[in-house]
Amino acid sequence: MITARPPPMTAELPPMTAELLERTDGYVVAVWRRLMLLVWRGNASAAGIDRSRELFARWSASQPGGAVFVVVLPLQHTLPPDEASRAAMRRAASSPSRNLRGTATLVESEGFIASSVRSIMMALTTGRAPNVFRTTGELATWAATLLKDPELTAAGLAEAIRAAREG
């Protein structure tokens, strides 16, 4: 008589969650793998942009091979960035950290405002192809390829963004 053996048990590690670095009423800055996430809770602010730049410069210095900076816009409709925020975005684009491998924006919402925000983000990308994504899957594929990190998955990224939003 032949009896089937149960498949070997494998220990699954829990997914790595986002580490919150800073939380305010307007934004959350979190890191996951070699990504820094600036997750807006409302409209962008110059203070949040400038502060996230400072945090990225410090954190990314400890990331072998550099890191990616990701801006995550809120799911609800927001207004386009004001002039002070656009100026802060231009400052960030004109003097990137030496450890910056790439930047991306995740705009999951739809409609006219989301479309205009995508256009503004694309216009601010000086000399580089715009990295504006509509889904965590698209963003994760791009980041995993850029960072050569096959464990950077859409599901993991979605969970990191969820954790940061709830922060």
N, C-alpha and C. Protein backbone atom coordinates (compact mmCIF):
# COMPACT_ATOMS: atom_id res chain seq x y z
N MET A 1 0.83 -1.17 0.00
CA MET A 1 0.00 0.00 0.00
C MET A 1 0.89 1.24 0.00
N ILE A 2 0.56 2.18 -0.88
CA ILE A 2 1.32 3.42 -1.00
C ILE A 2 0.50 4.53 -0.36
N THR A 3 1.12 5.26 0.52
CA THR A 3 0.42 6.40 1.14
C THR A 3 1.07 7.69 0.66
N ALA A 4 0.24 8.66 0.43
CA ALA A 4 0.75 9.96 -0.02
C ALA A 4 1.33 10.71 1.16
N ARG A 5 2.44 11.31 0.91
CA ARG A 5 3.07 12.13 1.95
C ARG A 5 2.56 13.56 1.81
N PRO A 6 2.29 14.18 2.91
CA PRO A 6 1.86 15.58 2.82
C PRO A 6 3.01 16.44 2.31
N PRO A 7 2.69 17.52 1.61
CA PRO A 7 3.77 18.39 1.12
C PRO A 7 4.55 18.95 2.29
N PRO A 8 5.84 19.20 2.09
CA PRO A 8 6.64 19.74 3.18
C PRO A 8 6.11 21.10 3.60
N MET A 9 6.16 21.35 4.88
CA MET A 9 5.73 22.64 5.42
C MET A 9 6.83 23.66 5.18
N THR A 10 6.44 24.81 4.70
CA THR A 10 7.41 25.89 4.53
C THR A 10 6.96 27.05 5.39
N ALA A 11 7.91 27.63 6.04
CA ALA A 11 7.59 28.78 6.88
C ALA A 11 7.53 30.01 5.99
N GLU A 12 6.40 30.68 6.04
CA GLU A 12 6.27 31.92 5.27
C GLU A 12 6.51 33.08 6.21
N LEU A 13 7.39 33.94 5.77
CA LEU A 13 7.66 35.13 6.55
C LEU A 13 6.54 36.14 6.32
N PRO A 14 6.16 36.87 7.35
CA PRO A 14 5.14 37.89 7.13
C PRO A 14 5.67 38.96 6.19
N PRO A 15 4.79 39.58 5.40
CA PRO A 15 5.28 40.60 4.49
C PRO A 15 5.88 41.77 5.26
N MET A 16 6.94 42.29 4.71
CA MET A 16 7.60 43.44 5.33
C MET A 16 6.66 44.64 5.23
N THR A 17 6.37 45.28 6.33
CA THR A 17 5.46 46.42 6.30
C THR A 17 6.24 47.72 6.28
N ALA A 18 5.53 48.76 5.96
CA ALA A 18 6.15 50.08 5.89
C ALA A 18 6.56 50.56 7.28
N GLU A 19 7.67 51.25 7.33
CA GLU A 19 8.14 51.88 8.56
C GLU A 19 7.81 53.37 8.46
N LEU A 20 7.00 53.86 9.38
CA LEU A 20 6.62 55.26 9.37
C LEU A 20 7.75 56.12 9.93
N LEU A 21 8.14 57.14 9.18
CA LEU A 21 9.18 58.06 9.63
C LEU A 21 8.59 59.35 10.18
N GLU A 22 7.49 59.79 9.56
CA GLU A 22 6.86 61.02 10.02
C GLU A 22 5.40 61.03 9.60
N ARG A 23 4.56 61.50 10.50
CA ARG A 23 3.12 61.55 10.22
C ARG A 23 2.60 62.91 10.66
N THR A 24 1.88 63.57 9.76
CA THR A 24 1.22 64.84 10.08
C THR A 24 -0.22 64.73 9.60
N ASP A 25 -1.00 65.76 9.82
CA ASP A 25 -2.37 65.76 9.31
C ASP A 25 -2.39 65.75 7.78
N GLY A 26 -1.35 66.31 7.15
CA GLY A 26 -1.34 66.45 5.70
C GLY A 26 -0.63 65.37 4.93
N TYR A 27 0.31 64.66 5.57
CA TYR A 27 1.09 63.65 4.84
C TYR A 27 1.71 62.64 5.80
N VAL A 28 2.15 61.53 5.21
CA VAL A 28 2.91 60.52 5.93
C VAL A 28 4.15 60.21 5.09
N VAL A 29 5.29 60.09 5.75
CA VAL A 29 6.51 59.65 5.09
C VAL A 29 6.84 58.28 5.68
N ALA A 30 6.95 57.30 4.80
CA ALA A 30 7.24 55.93 5.23
C ALA A 30 8.27 55.33 4.28
N VAL A 31 8.93 54.29 4.73
CA VAL A 31 9.86 53.56 3.87
C VAL A 31 9.44 52.09 3.84
N TRP A 32 9.65 51.50 2.68
CA TRP A 32 9.40 50.08 2.47
C TRP A 32 10.41 49.59 1.44
N ARG A 33 11.15 48.56 1.82
CA ARG A 33 12.25 48.06 1.01
C ARG A 33 13.18 49.24 0.71
N ARG A 34 13.43 49.56 -0.55
CA ARG A 34 14.27 50.72 -0.89
C ARG A 34 13.44 51.84 -1.52
N LEU A 35 12.19 51.95 -1.05
CA LEU A 35 11.30 53.01 -1.51
C LEU A 35 10.97 53.93 -0.34
N MET A 36 11.01 55.23 -0.58
CA MET A 36 10.45 56.16 0.38
C MET A 36 9.14 56.62 -0.20
N LEU A 37 8.09 56.54 0.62
CA LEU A 37 6.74 56.90 0.20
C LEU A 37 6.33 58.20 0.88
N LEU A 38 5.97 59.18 0.07
CA LEU A 38 5.36 60.41 0.57
C LEU A 38 3.88 60.28 0.24
N VAL A 39 3.09 59.92 1.24
CA VAL A 39 1.67 59.65 1.04
C VAL A 39 0.88 60.86 1.52
N TRP A 40 0.27 61.55 0.56
CA TRP A 40 -0.51 62.74 0.90
C TRP A 40 -1.86 62.33 1.47
N ARG A 41 -2.30 63.06 2.49
CA ARG A 41 -3.61 62.85 3.09
C ARG A 41 -4.60 63.89 2.57
N GLY A 42 -4.11 64.84 1.86
CA GLY A 42 -4.91 65.92 1.28
C GLY A 42 -4.07 66.58 0.21
N ASN A 43 -4.21 67.88 0.07
CA ASN A 43 -3.44 68.60 -0.94
C ASN A 43 -1.97 68.66 -0.56
N ALA A 44 -1.12 68.69 -1.58
CA ALA A 44 0.32 68.80 -1.37
C ALA A 44 0.64 70.13 -0.70
N SER A 45 1.73 70.12 0.08
CA SER A 45 2.19 71.35 0.72
C SER A 45 3.69 71.47 0.54
N ALA A 46 4.14 72.70 0.46
CA ALA A 46 5.58 72.94 0.33
C ALA A 46 6.33 72.38 1.53
N ALA A 47 5.75 72.52 2.72
CA ALA A 47 6.41 72.01 3.94
C ALA A 47 6.61 70.50 3.86
N GLY A 48 5.59 69.77 3.40
CA GLY A 48 5.70 68.32 3.28
C GLY A 48 6.73 67.90 2.24
N ILE A 49 6.78 68.63 1.14
CA ILE A 49 7.75 68.32 0.08
C ILE A 49 9.16 68.55 0.59
N ASP A 50 9.39 69.72 1.20
CA ASP A 50 10.73 70.02 1.71
C ASP A 50 11.15 69.06 2.81
N ARG A 51 10.23 68.71 3.70
CA ARG A 51 10.56 67.79 4.80
C ARG A 51 10.88 66.39 4.28
N SER A 52 10.11 65.93 3.29
CA SER A 52 10.37 64.59 2.74
C SER A 52 11.72 64.55 2.03
N ARG A 53 12.12 65.65 1.42
CA ARG A 53 13.46 65.72 0.79
C ARG A 53 14.54 65.53 1.84
N GLU A 54 14.39 66.21 2.98
CA GLU A 54 15.38 66.07 4.07
C GLU A 54 15.44 64.63 4.56
N LEU A 55 14.27 64.04 4.79
CA LEU A 55 14.23 62.65 5.26
C LEU A 55 14.83 61.69 4.25
N PHE A 56 14.55 61.92 2.96
CA PHE A 56 15.10 61.05 1.92
C PHE A 56 16.62 61.13 1.89
N ALA A 57 17.17 62.33 1.98
CA ALA A 57 18.63 62.49 1.93
C ALA A 57 19.30 61.69 3.04
N ARG A 58 18.75 61.74 4.25
CA ARG A 58 19.34 60.99 5.38
C ARG A 58 19.15 59.49 5.22
N TRP A 59 17.92 59.07 4.94
CA TRP A 59 17.60 57.64 4.87
C TRP A 59 18.30 56.96 3.70
N SER A 60 18.29 57.60 2.54
CA SER A 60 18.83 56.96 1.33
C SER A 60 20.34 56.73 1.40
N ALA A 61 21.04 57.49 2.25
CA ALA A 61 22.48 57.30 2.40
C ALA A 61 22.81 55.91 2.91
N SER A 62 21.86 55.27 3.61
CA SER A 62 22.11 53.93 4.15
C SER A 62 21.59 52.82 3.25
N GLN A 63 21.11 53.17 2.06
CA GLN A 63 20.55 52.17 1.15
C GLN A 63 21.56 51.79 0.08
N PRO A 64 22.11 50.58 0.15
CA PRO A 64 23.10 50.18 -0.86
C PRO A 64 22.45 50.18 -2.25
N GLY A 65 23.10 50.83 -3.18
CA GLY A 65 22.58 50.89 -4.54
C GLY A 65 21.54 51.97 -4.76
N GLY A 66 21.30 52.80 -3.75
CA GLY A 66 20.36 53.90 -3.90
C GLY A 66 18.92 53.51 -3.61
N ALA A 67 18.03 54.47 -3.79
CA ALA A 67 16.63 54.28 -3.44
C ALA A 67 15.74 55.07 -4.39
N VAL A 68 14.45 54.80 -4.31
CA VAL A 68 13.44 55.46 -5.14
C VAL A 68 12.52 56.27 -4.24
N PHE A 69 12.14 57.44 -4.72
CA PHE A 69 11.21 58.31 -4.02
C PHE A 69 9.87 58.24 -4.72
N VAL A 70 8.81 57.91 -3.97
CA VAL A 70 7.47 57.74 -4.55
C VAL A 70 6.50 58.70 -3.87
N VAL A 71 5.79 59.46 -4.70
CA VAL A 71 4.72 60.34 -4.21
C VAL A 71 3.40 59.62 -4.46
N VAL A 72 2.60 59.48 -3.41
CA VAL A 72 1.31 58.81 -3.52
C VAL A 72 0.22 59.85 -3.25
N LEU A 73 -0.58 60.12 -4.27
CA LEU A 73 -1.65 61.10 -4.10
C LEU A 73 -2.86 60.43 -3.47
N PRO A 74 -3.67 61.20 -2.74
CA PRO A 74 -4.83 60.61 -2.07
C PRO A 74 -5.85 60.07 -3.07
N LEU A 75 -6.64 59.10 -2.61
CA LEU A 75 -7.67 58.51 -3.47
C LEU A 75 -8.79 59.50 -3.77
N GLN A 76 -9.10 60.36 -2.81
CA GLN A 76 -10.17 61.33 -3.03
C GLN A 76 -9.65 62.46 -3.93
N HIS A 77 -10.57 63.21 -4.47
CA HIS A 77 -10.19 64.32 -5.34
C HIS A 77 -9.49 65.40 -4.54
N THR A 78 -8.44 65.95 -5.12
CA THR A 78 -7.72 67.05 -4.50
C THR A 78 -7.54 68.14 -5.55
N LEU A 79 -7.11 69.27 -5.09
CA LEU A 79 -6.83 70.37 -6.01
C LEU A 79 -5.41 70.23 -6.54
N PRO A 80 -5.14 70.81 -7.71
CA PRO A 80 -3.75 70.82 -8.19
C PRO A 80 -2.86 71.55 -7.18
N PRO A 81 -1.56 71.27 -7.17
CA PRO A 81 -0.68 71.91 -6.20
C PRO A 81 -0.68 73.44 -6.38
N ASP A 82 -0.57 74.15 -5.25
CA ASP A 82 -0.50 75.61 -5.32
C ASP A 82 0.92 76.02 -5.75
N GLU A 83 1.13 77.31 -5.92
CA GLU A 83 2.41 77.80 -6.43
C GLU A 83 3.57 77.47 -5.48
N ALA A 84 3.35 77.59 -4.17
CA ALA A 84 4.42 77.26 -3.21
C ALA A 84 4.81 75.79 -3.31
N SER A 85 3.82 74.91 -3.48
CA SER A 85 4.10 73.48 -3.62
C SER A 85 4.82 73.19 -4.93
N ARG A 86 4.39 73.85 -6.00
CA ARG A 86 5.08 73.67 -7.29
C ARG A 86 6.53 74.13 -7.20
N ALA A 87 6.77 75.23 -6.51
CA ALA A 87 8.14 75.72 -6.33
C ALA A 87 8.97 74.70 -5.55
N ALA A 88 8.38 74.11 -4.51
CA ALA A 88 9.08 73.08 -3.74
C ALA A 88 9.36 71.86 -4.61
N MET A 89 8.42 71.50 -5.48
CA MET A 89 8.64 70.38 -6.41
C MET A 89 9.79 70.69 -7.36
N ARG A 90 9.84 71.91 -7.85
CA ARG A 90 10.93 72.29 -8.75
C ARG A 90 12.27 72.25 -8.02
N ARG A 91 12.30 72.71 -6.76
CA ARG A 91 13.54 72.63 -5.97
C ARG A 91 13.98 71.18 -5.83
N ALA A 92 13.03 70.31 -5.55
CA ALA A 92 13.36 68.89 -5.38
C ALA A 92 13.88 68.30 -6.68
N ALA A 93 13.27 68.66 -7.79
CA ALA A 93 13.69 68.11 -9.09
C ALA A 93 15.05 68.67 -9.52
N SER A 94 15.36 69.90 -9.12
CA SER A 94 16.61 70.52 -9.59
C SER A 94 17.83 70.12 -8.77
N SER A 95 17.62 69.59 -7.56
CA SER A 95 18.77 69.19 -6.74
C SER A 95 18.50 67.84 -6.08
N PRO A 96 18.47 66.77 -6.89
CA PRO A 96 18.17 65.46 -6.30
C PRO A 96 19.32 64.93 -5.44
N SER A 97 18.97 64.06 -4.52
CA SER A 97 19.96 63.39 -3.68
C SER A 97 20.85 62.51 -4.55
N ARG A 98 22.10 62.37 -4.17
CA ARG A 98 23.01 61.55 -4.98
C ARG A 98 22.64 60.06 -4.91
N ASN A 99 21.83 59.67 -3.92
CA ASN A 99 21.41 58.28 -3.78
C ASN A 99 20.07 58.00 -4.45
N LEU A 100 19.52 59.00 -5.13
CA LEU A 100 18.23 58.87 -5.78
C LEU A 100 18.38 58.10 -7.09
N ARG A 101 17.74 56.94 -7.17
CA ARG A 101 17.76 56.14 -8.40
C ARG A 101 16.62 56.51 -9.33
N GLY A 102 15.51 57.01 -8.76
CA GLY A 102 14.38 57.39 -9.58
C GLY A 102 13.27 57.94 -8.72
N THR A 103 12.35 58.64 -9.39
CA THR A 103 11.17 59.16 -8.70
C THR A 103 9.93 58.71 -9.46
N ALA A 104 8.84 58.59 -8.73
CA ALA A 104 7.58 58.17 -9.35
C ALA A 104 6.43 58.80 -8.59
N THR A 105 5.32 58.94 -9.30
CA THR A 105 4.10 59.44 -8.70
C THR A 105 3.00 58.43 -8.98
N LEU A 106 2.25 58.09 -7.95
CA LEU A 106 1.11 57.20 -8.08
C LEU A 106 -0.17 58.03 -7.96
N VAL A 107 -0.94 58.08 -9.05
CA VAL A 107 -2.20 58.82 -9.09
C VAL A 107 -3.29 57.79 -9.36
N GLU A 108 -3.87 57.25 -8.29
CA GLU A 108 -4.86 56.18 -8.44
C GLU A 108 -6.25 56.72 -8.78
N SER A 109 -6.51 57.97 -8.46
CA SER A 109 -7.85 58.51 -8.72
C SER A 109 -8.00 58.82 -10.21
N GLU A 110 -9.23 59.05 -10.60
CA GLU A 110 -9.55 59.32 -12.01
C GLU A 110 -10.20 60.69 -12.12
N GLY A 111 -10.44 61.12 -13.33
CA GLY A 111 -11.17 62.36 -13.56
C GLY A 111 -10.26 63.51 -13.97
N PHE A 112 -10.88 64.67 -14.12
CA PHE A 112 -10.18 65.85 -14.62
C PHE A 112 -9.04 66.28 -13.70
N ILE A 113 -9.30 66.34 -12.40
CA ILE A 113 -8.26 66.79 -11.46
C ILE A 113 -7.08 65.83 -11.49
N ALA A 114 -7.35 64.54 -11.46
CA ALA A 114 -6.27 63.56 -11.51
C ALA A 114 -5.47 63.70 -12.79
N SER A 115 -6.17 63.94 -13.89
CA SER A 115 -5.50 64.12 -15.17
C SER A 115 -4.61 65.36 -15.16
N SER A 116 -5.10 66.45 -14.58
CA SER A 116 -4.28 67.66 -14.54
C SER A 116 -3.10 67.49 -13.60
N VAL A 117 -3.27 66.75 -12.50
CA VAL A 117 -2.15 66.48 -11.60
C VAL A 117 -1.09 65.66 -12.33
N ARG A 118 -1.52 64.64 -13.09
CA ARG A 118 -0.56 63.86 -13.88
C ARG A 118 0.21 64.76 -14.83
N SER A 119 -0.47 65.68 -15.48
CA SER A 119 0.18 66.59 -16.43
C SER A 119 1.20 67.47 -15.73
N ILE A 120 0.84 67.99 -14.55
CA ILE A 120 1.78 68.83 -13.79
C ILE A 120 3.00 68.02 -13.40
N MET A 121 2.79 66.80 -12.91
CA MET A 121 3.92 65.96 -12.50
C MET A 121 4.82 65.65 -13.69
N MET A 122 4.24 65.42 -14.85
CA MET A 122 5.04 65.15 -16.04
C MET A 122 5.83 66.39 -16.45
N ALA A 123 5.23 67.57 -16.33
CA ALA A 123 5.91 68.80 -16.70
C ALA A 123 7.08 69.10 -15.76
N LEU A 124 6.97 68.67 -14.51
CA LEU A 124 8.04 68.92 -13.54
C LEU A 124 9.22 67.97 -13.71
N THR A 125 9.05 66.93 -14.48
CA THR A 125 10.12 65.96 -14.67
C THR A 125 11.06 66.51 -15.73
N THR A 126 12.14 67.08 -15.29
CA THR A 126 13.06 67.73 -16.21
C THR A 126 14.10 66.75 -16.73
N GLY A 127 14.16 66.61 -18.05
CA GLY A 127 15.19 65.80 -18.67
C GLY A 127 15.05 64.30 -18.50
N ARG A 128 13.99 63.84 -17.86
CA ARG A 128 13.79 62.41 -17.66
C ARG A 128 12.40 62.03 -18.12
N ALA A 129 12.26 60.76 -18.46
CA ALA A 129 10.94 60.27 -18.82
C ALA A 129 10.05 60.34 -17.58
N PRO A 130 8.80 60.78 -17.73
CA PRO A 130 7.93 60.86 -16.55
C PRO A 130 7.58 59.47 -16.03
N ASN A 131 7.54 59.36 -14.75
CA ASN A 131 7.19 58.11 -14.09
C ASN A 131 5.92 58.34 -13.28
N VAL A 132 4.82 58.46 -13.98
CA VAL A 132 3.53 58.68 -13.36
C VAL A 132 2.70 57.43 -13.60
N PHE A 133 2.26 56.78 -12.53
CA PHE A 133 1.57 55.51 -12.64
C PHE A 133 0.15 55.61 -12.11
N ARG A 134 -0.71 54.72 -12.61
CA ARG A 134 -2.11 54.66 -12.18
C ARG A 134 -2.38 53.51 -11.22
N THR A 135 -1.49 52.50 -11.20
CA THR A 135 -1.72 51.34 -10.33
C THR A 135 -0.44 50.97 -9.59
N THR A 136 -0.62 50.31 -8.45
CA THR A 136 0.55 49.83 -7.70
C THR A 136 1.29 48.75 -8.50
N GLY A 137 0.56 48.01 -9.33
CA GLY A 137 1.21 46.99 -10.15
C GLY A 137 2.20 47.58 -11.13
N GLU A 138 1.78 48.64 -11.82
CA GLU A 138 2.68 49.31 -12.77
C GLU A 138 3.89 49.90 -12.05
N LEU A 139 3.63 50.54 -10.93
CA LEU A 139 4.70 51.16 -10.15
C LEU A 139 5.67 50.11 -9.62
N ALA A 140 5.14 49.01 -9.08
CA ALA A 140 6.00 47.96 -8.52
C ALA A 140 6.87 47.33 -9.60
N THR A 141 6.32 47.10 -10.78
CA THR A 141 7.11 46.52 -11.87
C THR A 141 8.26 47.44 -12.24
N TRP A 142 7.98 48.73 -12.36
CA TRP A 142 9.01 49.71 -12.71
C TRP A 142 10.09 49.75 -11.62
N ALA A 143 9.68 49.88 -10.35
CA ALA A 143 10.63 50.00 -9.25
C ALA A 143 11.46 48.73 -9.07
N ALA A 144 10.82 47.57 -9.20
CA ALA A 144 11.54 46.30 -9.04
C ALA A 144 12.63 46.16 -10.11
N THR A 145 12.31 46.58 -11.32
CA THR A 145 13.29 46.52 -12.41
C THR A 145 14.42 47.51 -12.16
N LEU A 146 14.09 48.74 -11.80
CA LEU A 146 15.09 49.77 -11.57
C LEU A 146 16.03 49.40 -10.42
N LEU A 147 15.47 48.86 -9.35
CA LEU A 147 16.26 48.53 -8.17
C LEU A 147 16.80 47.10 -8.17
N LYS A 148 16.43 46.35 -9.21
CA LYS A 148 16.84 44.94 -9.30
C LYS A 148 16.43 44.19 -8.03
N ASP A 149 15.16 44.34 -7.68
CA ASP A 149 14.61 43.76 -6.46
C ASP A 149 13.37 42.93 -6.80
N PRO A 150 13.53 41.63 -7.08
CA PRO A 150 12.37 40.82 -7.46
C PRO A 150 11.34 40.63 -6.34
N GLU A 151 11.71 40.94 -5.10
CA GLU A 151 10.76 40.81 -4.00
C GLU A 151 9.90 42.06 -3.81
N LEU A 152 10.13 43.07 -4.62
CA LEU A 152 9.31 44.27 -4.59
C LEU A 152 8.09 43.98 -5.47
N THR A 153 6.99 43.66 -4.82
CA THR A 153 5.80 43.21 -5.54
C THR A 153 4.65 44.21 -5.42
N ALA A 154 3.69 44.07 -6.32
CA ALA A 154 2.50 44.92 -6.28
C ALA A 154 1.74 44.75 -4.97
N ALA A 155 1.59 43.51 -4.52
CA ALA A 155 0.87 43.25 -3.27
C ALA A 155 1.60 43.86 -2.08
N GLY A 156 2.91 43.70 -2.05
CA GLY A 156 3.69 44.28 -0.95
C GLY A 156 3.63 45.80 -0.96
N LEU A 157 3.73 46.40 -2.15
CA LEU A 157 3.66 47.85 -2.25
C LEU A 157 2.29 48.35 -1.85
N ALA A 158 1.23 47.69 -2.31
CA ALA A 158 -0.13 48.08 -1.95
C ALA A 158 -0.31 48.03 -0.42
N GLU A 159 0.23 47.00 0.22
CA GLU A 159 0.12 46.88 1.66
C GLU A 159 0.92 47.99 2.37
N ALA A 160 2.10 48.31 1.85
CA ALA A 160 2.91 49.37 2.45
C ALA A 160 2.18 50.72 2.35
N ILE A 161 1.53 50.98 1.21
CA ILE A 161 0.80 52.23 1.04
C ILE A 161 -0.41 52.25 1.96
N ARG A 162 -1.11 51.12 2.07
CA ARG A 162 -2.25 51.05 2.96
C ARG A 162 -1.82 51.34 4.40
N ALA A 163 -0.74 50.71 4.83
CA ALA A 163 -0.24 50.91 6.20
C ALA A 163 0.15 52.37 6.42
N ALA A 164 0.77 52.99 5.43
CA ALA A 164 1.16 54.39 5.56
C ALA A 164 -0.07 55.29 5.61
N ARG A 165 -1.07 55.00 4.76
CA ARG A 165 -2.29 55.82 4.77
C ARG A 165 -2.98 55.76 6.12
N GLU A 166 -3.00 54.59 6.72
CA GLU A 166 -3.67 54.42 8.01
C GLU A 166 -2.80 54.88 9.16
N GLY A 167 -1.47 54.97 8.89
CA GLY A 167 -0.45 55.40 9.82
C GLY A 167 -0.92 55.94 11.08
